[in-house]
Amino acid sequence: MNPVSLRLSALRRAFLRHWMAAVGVLLFAVAVAVQAVQPAPAKQPAEAHWVGAWAVAPVDFRELSANPLLQAAAPRPGGDAFRGETLRQQFESALSGERVRVRFSNRFGKTPLRIAAASVAHGTGGGAVSPASLRMLRFGGRSGTVIAPGAEAWSDGVALKVAAGQAVAVSLFLEHPAPFATVHLQASDASWVAGGNAVAAARPHEVKPLPLNHIVTGLDVMSAQPVRVVVAFGDSITAGGGEAGDGAYPDMLATRLRGSPAAAAPVSVLNMGIGGNRLLVDGVGPNGLSRFARDALGQNGVTHVIVLLGTNDIGRSVFPGAPGRPTPPHEVATAERITDGLAQLIKQARAKGVKVLIGTVPPFRNTPYWTEPTEAMRAEVNRWIRSRQDVDGVVDFDAVLRDPNDPMALNPAYDNGDHLHPNRAGHAAMAAAVDLRELQE
């Protein structure tokens, strides 16, 4: 090839290199521009799942009826069993949804519990329901079910639109004798009984109120969006002890969350308090250590737990025990045993990926629980709680509820009269003390 041809060939190769480089830059720019104008991939909706919209911590009826201090547990006229009767229980859903299912419990039963038929509807009060909303429940496609002693059973899901804060009523027909066994004491719920099979009746004849709530222990709502489920775990100060109408801080917290413009997602608050409950030793209901996995971490969709226990452990330490049965040494509460127990709850929750908020023990001067040693124990437990670095939040109920003029006593403005339990204003102050941001994370 002559020199001229060689120069022309070199020029062509140089031109081609520059041209291809320019085209590459152009194509890259076009690709970036196209990517910029294309819409982002649509976010996939969350898979529909069951989440707790209402739940209670049950106790053993036999334990209540043996306690002379719990007058509400006295057997009704006609005995302590249902016989060919319909039980109807009303409560409020903490979540909105269009599909629900119901939990029936025979946790403390000694014999199989036979449910012949059941229904769910919008409750209208006084044992009545909205007829248009009434839905029959099924169990694995069957109209009834048998629940073994110690077990629980969920109904099949059923289409029923409910709104947060709306009353829901569940009815069940107990055709065969069913001894009282699994009950709960939540004052905000109500139960009635009627003769025969009245599960499909909007307003049963001769409906009679019951002093206790039986068998029905949970309502789940189907949700296709993220939901925070907060379990309030504790004793009567959580359950809402004291005079009727005093309310409960978990219920007020739920109302506060529903009205919060900062709420990024729906939040359900489940009240798993039991009046008289203790952390370390069985009392009214199983001890907190033994029931935590089931009553708190076992709720569907649970994301957060607020723990407030220790008052009864501390206060009962001043009593020597029943006549002829002194309290065994291992049952005597100490600050170290209480804090070790609380640490176990924290560890259990974190192992399940559940966030933990822990509350300080409120004051109780001027009650039978108070002595200088129990006050010292309460102060030591609260110091331990306030120092925790392994929890997601501390709720200082002690600081909120105490009397500014006497920090060992309840603020008179928050005292229901027994100097131990908060009144309605006290429960509202407790609900206000919870940082809502900690429940949205």
Protein backbone atom coordinates (compact mmCIF):
# COMPACT_ATOMS: atom_id res chain seq x y z
CA MET A 1 0.00 0.00 0.00
CA ASN A 2 1.41 3.43 -0.96
CA PRO A 3 2.01 6.15 1.64
CA VAL A 4 -1.06 8.14 0.60
CA SER A 5 -3.29 5.11 1.02
CA LEU A 6 -1.75 4.38 4.41
CA ARG A 7 -2.46 7.95 5.56
CA LEU A 8 -6.07 7.73 4.31
CA SER A 9 -6.56 4.39 6.10
CA ALA A 10 -5.20 5.83 9.35
CA LEU A 11 -7.48 8.83 9.02
CA ARG A 12 -10.50 6.60 8.43
CA ARG A 13 -9.67 4.53 11.54
CA ALA A 14 -9.26 7.67 13.64
CA PHE A 15 -12.54 9.04 12.32
CA LEU A 16 -14.33 5.79 13.09
CA ARG A 17 -12.94 5.74 16.64
CA HIS A 18 -14.08 9.32 17.31
CA TRP A 19 -17.45 8.66 15.67
CA MET A 20 -18.11 5.53 17.71
CA ALA A 21 -17.07 7.29 20.92
CA ALA A 22 -19.46 10.14 20.15
CA VAL A 23 -22.27 7.71 19.38
CA GLY A 24 -21.57 5.89 22.67
CA VAL A 25 -21.81 9.12 24.64
CA LEU A 26 -25.02 10.00 22.82
CA LEU A 27 -26.58 6.62 23.47
CA PHE A 28 -25.63 6.81 27.18
CA ALA A 29 -27.21 10.27 27.45
CA VAL A 30 -30.37 9.05 25.73
CA ALA A 31 -30.57 6.05 28.08
CA VAL A 32 -30.19 8.28 31.13
CA ALA A 33 -32.86 10.63 29.82
CA VAL A 34 -35.27 7.80 29.09
CA GLN A 35 -34.70 6.31 32.53
CA ALA A 36 -35.31 9.70 34.12
CA VAL A 37 -38.70 10.16 32.44
CA GLN A 38 -39.88 6.61 32.98
CA PRO A 39 -42.13 6.18 36.05
CA ALA A 40 -40.66 4.29 38.98
CA PRO A 41 -41.79 0.68 39.27
CA ALA A 42 -45.09 0.45 41.08
CA LYS A 43 -44.69 -0.45 44.75
CA GLN A 44 -46.07 -3.90 45.37
CA PRO A 45 -48.94 -3.92 47.84
CA ALA A 46 -48.30 -5.67 51.14
CA GLU A 47 -49.57 -9.22 51.28
CA ALA A 48 -52.89 -9.43 53.10
CA HIS A 49 -52.42 -10.74 56.62
CA TRP A 50 -54.32 -11.08 59.91
CA VAL A 51 -53.62 -8.53 62.63
CA GLY A 52 -55.00 -8.21 66.15
CA ALA A 53 -57.83 -5.68 66.42
CA TRP A 54 -59.03 -6.65 69.90
CA ALA A 55 -57.76 -9.13 72.47
CA VAL A 56 -57.89 -9.86 76.18
CA ALA A 57 -55.83 -11.86 78.67
CA PRO A 58 -58.09 -14.58 80.12
CA VAL A 59 -58.00 -16.03 83.62
CA ASP A 60 -59.33 -19.18 85.28
CA PHE A 61 -62.89 -18.87 86.61
CA ARG A 62 -62.17 -21.34 89.40
CA GLU A 63 -59.35 -19.10 90.62
CA LEU A 64 -61.66 -16.08 90.70
CA SER A 65 -64.54 -17.88 92.39
CA ALA A 66 -62.21 -19.08 95.15
CA ASN A 67 -61.10 -15.52 95.92
CA PRO A 68 -63.48 -13.83 98.41
CA LEU A 69 -62.29 -10.40 97.29
CA LEU A 70 -63.55 -10.85 93.74
CA GLN A 71 -67.28 -10.55 94.15
CA ALA A 72 -67.84 -10.24 90.39
CA ALA A 73 -66.96 -13.90 90.04
CA ALA A 74 -69.93 -15.07 92.13
CA PRO A 75 -71.92 -17.70 90.22
CA ARG A 76 -75.07 -16.41 88.57
CA PRO A 77 -78.46 -17.79 89.51
CA GLY A 78 -78.71 -21.16 87.82
CA GLY A 79 -75.15 -22.23 88.44
CA ASP A 80 -71.70 -21.83 86.97
CA ALA A 81 -72.25 -23.42 83.56
CA PHE A 82 -74.03 -22.62 80.29
CA ARG A 83 -76.72 -25.12 79.34
CA GLY A 84 -78.46 -24.82 76.00
CA GLU A 85 -77.85 -21.07 75.94
CA THR A 86 -76.44 -18.37 73.68
CA LEU A 87 -73.61 -16.18 74.95
CA ARG A 88 -73.19 -12.77 73.30
CA GLN A 89 -70.17 -10.56 73.97
CA GLN A 90 -69.62 -6.99 72.73
CA PHE A 91 -66.31 -5.12 72.44
CA GLU A 92 -64.66 -2.48 70.24
CA SER A 93 -62.38 -3.10 67.29
CA ALA A 94 -59.17 -1.05 67.31
CA LEU A 95 -58.77 -1.35 63.53
CA SER A 96 -60.79 -0.87 60.39
CA GLY A 97 -61.16 -3.67 57.87
CA GLU A 98 -63.52 -5.60 55.66
CA ARG A 99 -62.81 -9.15 56.81
CA VAL A 100 -62.63 -10.52 60.37
CA ARG A 101 -62.12 -13.72 62.32
CA VAL A 102 -62.76 -14.54 65.99
CA ARG A 103 -60.76 -16.45 68.62
CA PHE A 104 -62.56 -18.76 71.06
CA SER A 105 -60.62 -20.03 74.07
CA ASN A 106 -60.82 -23.09 76.31
CA ARG A 107 -57.43 -22.31 77.87
CA PHE A 108 -58.55 -23.06 81.42
CA GLY A 109 -61.19 -25.66 80.60
CA LYS A 110 -60.97 -29.19 81.95
CA THR A 111 -63.42 -30.65 79.44
CA PRO A 112 -63.92 -30.14 75.67
CA LEU A 113 -65.79 -26.95 74.78
CA ARG A 114 -68.49 -27.63 72.18
CA ILE A 115 -69.63 -24.61 70.15
CA ALA A 116 -72.70 -25.58 68.11
CA ALA A 117 -73.01 -22.30 66.18
CA ALA A 118 -71.55 -18.80 66.21
CA SER A 119 -71.98 -15.40 64.57
CA VAL A 120 -70.45 -11.93 64.40
CA ALA A 121 -72.15 -8.58 63.81
CA HIS A 122 -72.09 -4.88 64.62
CA GLY A 123 -73.14 -4.48 68.24
CA THR A 124 -75.82 -1.91 69.08
CA GLY A 125 -75.84 -2.37 72.88
CA GLY A 126 -78.07 -4.13 75.35
CA GLY A 127 -77.33 -7.51 73.78
CA ALA A 128 -78.69 -6.44 70.37
CA VAL A 129 -76.95 -6.34 66.98
CA SER A 130 -77.54 -4.74 63.59
CA PRO A 131 -79.45 -7.41 61.59
CA ALA A 132 -78.00 -6.33 58.25
CA SER A 133 -74.47 -6.90 59.53
CA LEU A 134 -75.02 -10.34 61.04
CA ARG A 135 -72.71 -13.03 59.63
CA MET A 136 -72.60 -16.69 60.60
CA LEU A 137 -69.16 -18.00 61.50
CA ARG A 138 -67.69 -21.28 60.36
CA PHE A 139 -64.77 -23.41 61.52
CA GLY A 140 -62.91 -25.17 58.73
CA GLY A 141 -66.12 -24.89 56.74
CA ARG A 142 -68.27 -26.38 59.53
CA SER A 143 -70.94 -24.57 61.52
CA GLY A 144 -69.48 -25.56 64.88
CA THR A 145 -66.32 -26.81 66.54
CA VAL A 146 -64.98 -28.65 69.58
CA ILE A 147 -62.06 -27.04 71.45
CA ALA A 148 -59.89 -29.33 73.55
CA PRO A 149 -58.99 -28.41 77.14
CA GLY A 150 -56.16 -25.88 77.17
CA ALA A 151 -56.61 -25.01 73.48
CA GLU A 152 -57.97 -22.13 71.41
CA ALA A 153 -59.64 -22.01 67.99
CA TRP A 154 -60.01 -19.32 65.33
CA SER A 155 -63.09 -19.12 63.16
CA ASP A 156 -62.76 -18.93 59.41
CA GLY A 157 -62.54 -15.42 58.02
CA VAL A 158 -65.83 -13.74 57.11
CA ALA A 159 -66.65 -10.57 55.18
CA LEU A 160 -67.74 -7.88 57.66
CA LYS A 161 -66.80 -4.23 57.32
CA VAL A 162 -65.75 -2.72 60.65
CA ALA A 163 -64.38 0.71 61.56
CA ALA A 164 -61.83 1.50 64.24
CA GLY A 165 -63.71 2.14 67.47
CA GLN A 166 -66.85 0.36 66.27
CA ALA A 167 -68.67 -2.11 68.53
CA VAL A 168 -68.55 -5.74 67.43
CA ALA A 169 -70.68 -8.52 68.95
CA VAL A 170 -69.85 -12.22 68.85
CA SER A 171 -72.48 -14.83 69.70
CA LEU A 172 -72.05 -18.55 70.34
CA PHE A 173 -74.57 -21.28 71.05
CA LEU A 174 -73.55 -23.74 73.76
CA GLU A 175 -75.98 -26.58 73.25
CA HIS A 176 -74.24 -28.95 75.65
CA PRO A 177 -73.33 -28.05 79.25
CA ALA A 178 -70.23 -25.84 79.31
CA PRO A 179 -68.78 -25.16 82.80
CA PHE A 180 -67.43 -21.66 83.36
CA ALA A 181 -63.68 -21.87 82.78
CA THR A 182 -61.99 -19.21 80.62
CA VAL A 183 -63.10 -15.68 81.51
CA HIS A 184 -61.85 -12.11 81.47
CA LEU A 185 -62.59 -9.01 83.50
CA GLN A 186 -62.30 -6.11 81.06
CA ALA A 187 -64.89 -3.60 82.23
CA SER A 188 -65.11 -1.96 78.80
CA ASP A 189 -66.62 -5.15 77.33
CA ALA A 190 -70.07 -6.55 78.05
CA SER A 191 -71.71 -9.97 77.87
CA TRP A 192 -75.28 -11.28 77.87
CA VAL A 193 -76.91 -14.68 77.84
CA ALA A 194 -80.18 -15.85 76.27
CA GLY A 195 -81.97 -19.17 76.20
CA GLY A 196 -81.73 -21.48 73.19
CA ASN A 197 -79.96 -20.85 69.90
CA ALA A 198 -80.10 -17.07 69.38
CA VAL A 199 -76.88 -16.55 67.39
CA ALA A 200 -78.91 -15.34 64.38
CA ALA A 201 -81.27 -13.15 66.43
CA ALA A 202 -80.80 -9.39 66.21
CA ARG A 203 -82.48 -8.94 69.60
CA PRO A 204 -82.81 -12.18 71.59
CA HIS A 205 -85.72 -12.60 73.97
CA GLU A 206 -85.09 -12.29 77.70
CA VAL A 207 -81.41 -11.43 77.33
CA LYS A 208 -79.65 -11.15 80.69
CA PRO A 209 -76.35 -9.38 81.46
CA LEU A 210 -73.41 -11.36 82.80
CA PRO A 211 -70.86 -10.14 85.38
CA LEU A 212 -67.98 -11.81 83.51
CA ASN A 213 -66.95 -12.20 79.88
CA HIS A 214 -66.45 -15.78 78.68
CA ILE A 215 -64.66 -17.74 75.93
CA VAL A 216 -64.29 -14.99 73.27
CA THR A 217 -60.74 -13.62 73.56
CA GLY A 218 -59.69 -12.12 70.22
CA LEU A 219 -60.71 -10.45 66.98
CA ASP A 220 -58.39 -10.23 63.97
CA VAL A 221 -58.87 -8.00 60.94
CA MET A 222 -57.45 -8.76 57.51
CA SER A 223 -55.12 -5.97 56.37
CA ALA A 224 -53.21 -5.42 53.14
CA GLN A 225 -51.17 -2.53 54.56
CA PRO A 226 -48.55 -2.26 57.31
CA VAL A 227 -50.10 -2.06 60.77
CA ARG A 228 -48.48 -1.42 64.15
CA VAL A 229 -49.91 -3.71 66.85
CA VAL A 230 -49.10 -2.47 70.37
CA VAL A 231 -49.70 -4.79 73.33
CA ALA A 232 -50.14 -3.08 76.72
CA PHE A 233 -49.03 -5.74 79.21
CA GLY A 234 -49.60 -5.33 82.92
CA ASP A 235 -51.87 -5.52 85.95
CA SER A 236 -54.98 -3.56 86.98
CA ILE A 237 -53.27 -0.22 86.33
CA THR A 238 -53.15 -1.31 82.68
CA ALA A 239 -56.45 -3.19 82.66
CA GLY A 240 -58.28 -0.19 84.10
CA GLY A 241 -58.77 -1.00 87.77
CA GLY A 242 -60.84 0.95 90.23
CA GLU A 243 -64.30 2.39 89.88
CA ALA A 244 -66.38 1.60 86.82
CA GLY A 245 -65.99 4.23 84.16
CA ASP A 246 -62.40 5.09 85.02
CA GLY A 247 -61.32 3.84 81.62
CA ALA A 248 -57.93 2.37 80.81
CA TYR A 249 -54.83 4.05 79.45
CA PRO A 250 -54.48 1.60 76.49
CA ASP A 251 -57.97 2.56 75.28
CA MET A 252 -57.13 6.25 75.58
CA LEU A 253 -53.81 5.65 73.82
CA ALA A 254 -55.69 3.99 70.95
CA THR A 255 -58.00 7.01 70.67
CA ARG A 256 -55.00 9.35 70.74
CA LEU A 257 -53.28 7.39 67.97
CA ARG A 258 -56.39 7.40 65.77
CA GLY A 259 -56.56 11.17 66.06
CA SER A 260 -52.85 11.79 65.44
CA PRO A 261 -52.06 13.44 62.08
CA ALA A 262 -48.50 12.14 62.44
CA ALA A 263 -49.61 8.50 62.37
CA ALA A 264 -47.86 6.98 59.36
CA ALA A 265 -49.81 3.72 59.56
CA PRO A 266 -52.80 2.33 61.45
CA VAL A 267 -52.04 1.32 65.04
CA SER A 268 -53.93 -1.26 67.09
CA VAL A 269 -53.61 -1.17 70.89
CA LEU A 270 -54.46 -4.42 72.69
CA ASN A 271 -55.09 -4.30 76.45
CA MET A 272 -53.55 -7.42 78.03
CA GLY A 273 -53.72 -6.24 81.61
CA ILE A 274 -55.05 -8.48 84.41
CA GLY A 275 -56.11 -6.94 87.71
CA GLY A 276 -54.00 -8.33 90.57
CA ASN A 277 -51.45 -9.88 88.21
CA ARG A 278 -47.84 -10.29 89.33
CA LEU A 279 -44.65 -10.60 87.34
CA LEU A 280 -42.98 -13.37 89.32
CA VAL A 281 -45.69 -15.44 91.02
CA ASP A 282 -49.14 -16.65 90.02
CA GLY A 283 -51.87 -14.59 91.64
CA VAL A 284 -54.85 -13.43 89.66
CA GLY A 285 -53.98 -15.03 86.35
CA PRO A 286 -50.71 -16.75 85.46
CA ASN A 287 -47.61 -14.77 86.38
CA GLY A 288 -46.29 -12.29 83.84
CA LEU A 289 -43.20 -14.34 83.02
CA SER A 290 -45.26 -17.39 82.08
CA ARG A 291 -47.99 -15.61 80.12
CA PHE A 292 -45.87 -13.09 78.22
CA ALA A 293 -45.13 -15.36 75.25
CA ARG A 294 -48.80 -16.14 74.72
CA ASP A 295 -50.65 -13.00 75.82
CA ALA A 296 -48.18 -10.46 74.39
CA LEU A 297 -45.88 -11.98 71.78
CA GLY A 298 -48.58 -14.40 70.60
CA GLN A 299 -50.88 -11.68 69.26
CA ASN A 300 -51.02 -11.61 65.47
CA GLY A 301 -48.95 -8.82 63.94
CA VAL A 302 -47.51 -7.59 67.28
CA THR A 303 -44.79 -4.98 66.74
CA HIS A 304 -44.53 -3.23 70.13
CA VAL A 305 -45.07 -4.11 73.80
CA ILE A 306 -45.50 -1.67 76.69
CA VAL A 307 -44.64 -3.46 79.95
CA LEU A 308 -45.93 -2.14 83.30
CA LEU A 309 -45.61 -4.77 86.03
CA GLY A 310 -44.19 -4.89 89.53
CA THR A 311 -46.70 -3.07 91.72
CA ASN A 312 -48.30 -6.25 93.09
CA ASP A 313 -44.97 -8.04 93.44
CA ILE A 314 -43.62 -5.18 95.54
CA GLY A 315 -46.79 -4.58 97.53
CA ARG A 316 -47.56 -8.22 98.29
CA SER A 317 -44.10 -8.64 99.80
CA VAL A 318 -45.42 -7.04 103.00
CA PHE A 319 -47.90 -9.88 103.56
CA PRO A 320 -46.59 -13.03 105.23
CA GLY A 321 -48.94 -15.35 103.33
CA ALA A 322 -52.13 -17.24 104.12
CA PRO A 323 -52.68 -18.58 107.66
CA GLY A 324 -50.70 -21.80 108.01
CA ARG A 325 -48.97 -21.20 104.70
CA PRO A 326 -46.19 -18.66 104.98
CA THR A 327 -44.88 -17.31 101.71
CA PRO A 328 -42.04 -19.53 100.46
CA PRO A 329 -38.70 -17.70 100.32
CA HIS A 330 -38.49 -18.04 96.51
CA GLU A 331 -41.83 -16.22 96.18
CA VAL A 332 -40.76 -13.19 98.22
CA ALA A 333 -40.15 -10.35 95.80
CA THR A 334 -36.91 -8.38 95.84
CA ALA A 335 -35.82 -5.57 93.55
CA GLU A 336 -33.24 -7.89 92.00
CA ARG A 337 -35.81 -10.61 91.25
CA ILE A 338 -38.20 -8.08 89.73
CA THR A 339 -35.56 -6.51 87.51
CA ASP A 340 -34.29 -9.95 86.48
CA GLY A 341 -37.86 -10.83 85.51
CA LEU A 342 -38.30 -7.63 83.50
CA ALA A 343 -34.98 -8.32 81.77
CA GLN A 344 -36.31 -11.73 80.73
CA LEU A 345 -39.39 -10.11 79.15
CA ILE A 346 -37.17 -7.66 77.27
CA LYS A 347 -35.00 -10.51 76.02
CA GLN A 348 -38.02 -12.55 74.86
CA ALA A 349 -39.47 -9.61 72.96
CA ARG A 350 -36.23 -8.66 71.25
CA ALA A 351 -35.67 -12.27 70.20
CA LYS A 352 -39.00 -12.04 68.34
CA GLY A 353 -38.14 -8.68 66.78
CA VAL A 354 -40.75 -6.88 68.91
CA LYS A 355 -39.93 -3.38 70.17
CA VAL A 356 -40.17 -2.88 73.94
CA LEU A 357 -41.27 0.14 75.96
CA ILE A 358 -41.08 -0.30 79.73
CA GLY A 359 -42.96 1.73 82.31
CA THR A 360 -41.85 2.82 85.76
CA VAL A 361 -43.87 1.59 88.76
CA PRO A 362 -46.32 4.29 89.96
CA PRO A 363 -46.41 5.45 93.60
CA PHE A 364 -48.71 3.85 96.20
CA ARG A 365 -48.22 5.57 99.55
CA ASN A 366 -51.29 5.45 101.86
CA THR A 367 -52.17 1.91 100.71
CA PRO A 368 -51.62 -1.42 102.52
CA TYR A 369 -48.78 -2.01 100.06
CA TRP A 370 -46.68 0.86 101.37
CA THR A 371 -43.87 0.52 103.89
CA GLU A 372 -40.42 2.03 103.92
CA PRO A 373 -38.91 -1.24 102.57
CA THR A 374 -41.45 -1.49 99.72
CA GLU A 375 -40.88 2.16 98.85
CA ALA A 376 -37.13 1.51 98.73
CA MET A 377 -37.76 -1.53 96.51
CA ARG A 378 -39.96 0.52 94.13
CA ALA A 379 -37.30 3.24 93.91
CA GLU A 380 -34.60 0.67 93.11
CA VAL A 381 -36.73 -0.98 90.40
CA ASN A 382 -37.49 2.41 88.86
CA ARG A 383 -33.82 3.39 88.83
CA TRP A 384 -33.08 0.18 86.94
CA ILE A 385 -35.90 0.86 84.45
CA ARG A 386 -34.79 4.44 83.78
CA SER A 387 -31.23 3.26 83.12
CA ARG A 388 -32.14 0.71 80.45
CA GLN A 389 -30.24 0.97 77.19
CA ASP A 390 -31.61 -2.27 75.73
CA VAL A 391 -35.19 -1.05 75.27
CA ASP A 392 -36.83 1.14 72.66
CA GLY A 393 -38.32 3.54 75.17
CA VAL A 394 -39.05 4.22 78.84
CA VAL A 395 -42.47 5.56 79.82
CA ASP A 396 -42.10 7.31 83.16
CA PHE A 397 -45.55 6.64 84.60
CA ASP A 398 -44.16 7.29 88.09
CA ALA A 399 -43.13 10.85 87.18
CA VAL A 400 -46.48 11.51 85.48
CA LEU A 401 -48.74 10.20 88.26
CA ARG A 402 -46.95 11.20 91.48
CA ASP A 403 -47.97 14.04 93.75
CA PRO A 404 -45.56 16.99 93.31
CA ASN A 405 -45.83 17.60 97.05
CA ASP A 406 -45.31 13.93 97.98
CA PRO A 407 -43.57 11.91 95.24
CA MET A 408 -44.29 8.65 97.07
CA ALA A 409 -48.06 9.14 96.64
CA LEU A 410 -50.45 9.44 93.71
CA ASN A 411 -51.36 12.95 92.67
CA PRO A 412 -54.80 13.63 94.22
CA ALA A 413 -55.99 14.82 90.82
CA TYR A 414 -55.24 11.35 89.42
CA ASP A 415 -56.33 9.23 92.41
CA ASN A 416 -59.53 7.18 92.09
CA GLY A 417 -59.79 7.14 95.88
CA ASP A 418 -57.88 4.01 96.84
CA HIS A 419 -54.48 5.75 96.42
CA LEU A 420 -53.33 2.91 94.16
CA HIS A 421 -55.33 3.10 90.94
CA PRO A 422 -55.50 6.14 88.66
CA ASN A 423 -58.88 7.69 87.88
CA ARG A 424 -59.93 8.62 84.37
CA ALA A 425 -57.74 11.74 84.37
CA GLY A 426 -54.82 9.62 85.56
CA HIS A 427 -55.29 7.12 82.73
CA ALA A 428 -55.44 10.02 80.28
CA ALA A 429 -52.15 11.33 81.69
CA MET A 430 -50.62 7.87 81.27
CA ALA A 431 -51.73 7.69 77.64
CA ALA A 432 -50.31 11.17 77.03
CA ALA A 433 -46.96 10.10 78.49
CA VAL A 434 -46.34 7.60 75.69
CA ASP A 435 -44.23 9.06 72.88
CA LEU A 436 -46.23 8.30 69.72
CA ARG A 437 -43.08 8.43 67.61
CA GLU A 438 -41.81 5.31 69.40
CA LEU A 439 -44.92 3.43 68.26
CA GLN A 440 -44.49 4.45 64.60
CA GLU A 441 -40.93 3.17 64.23
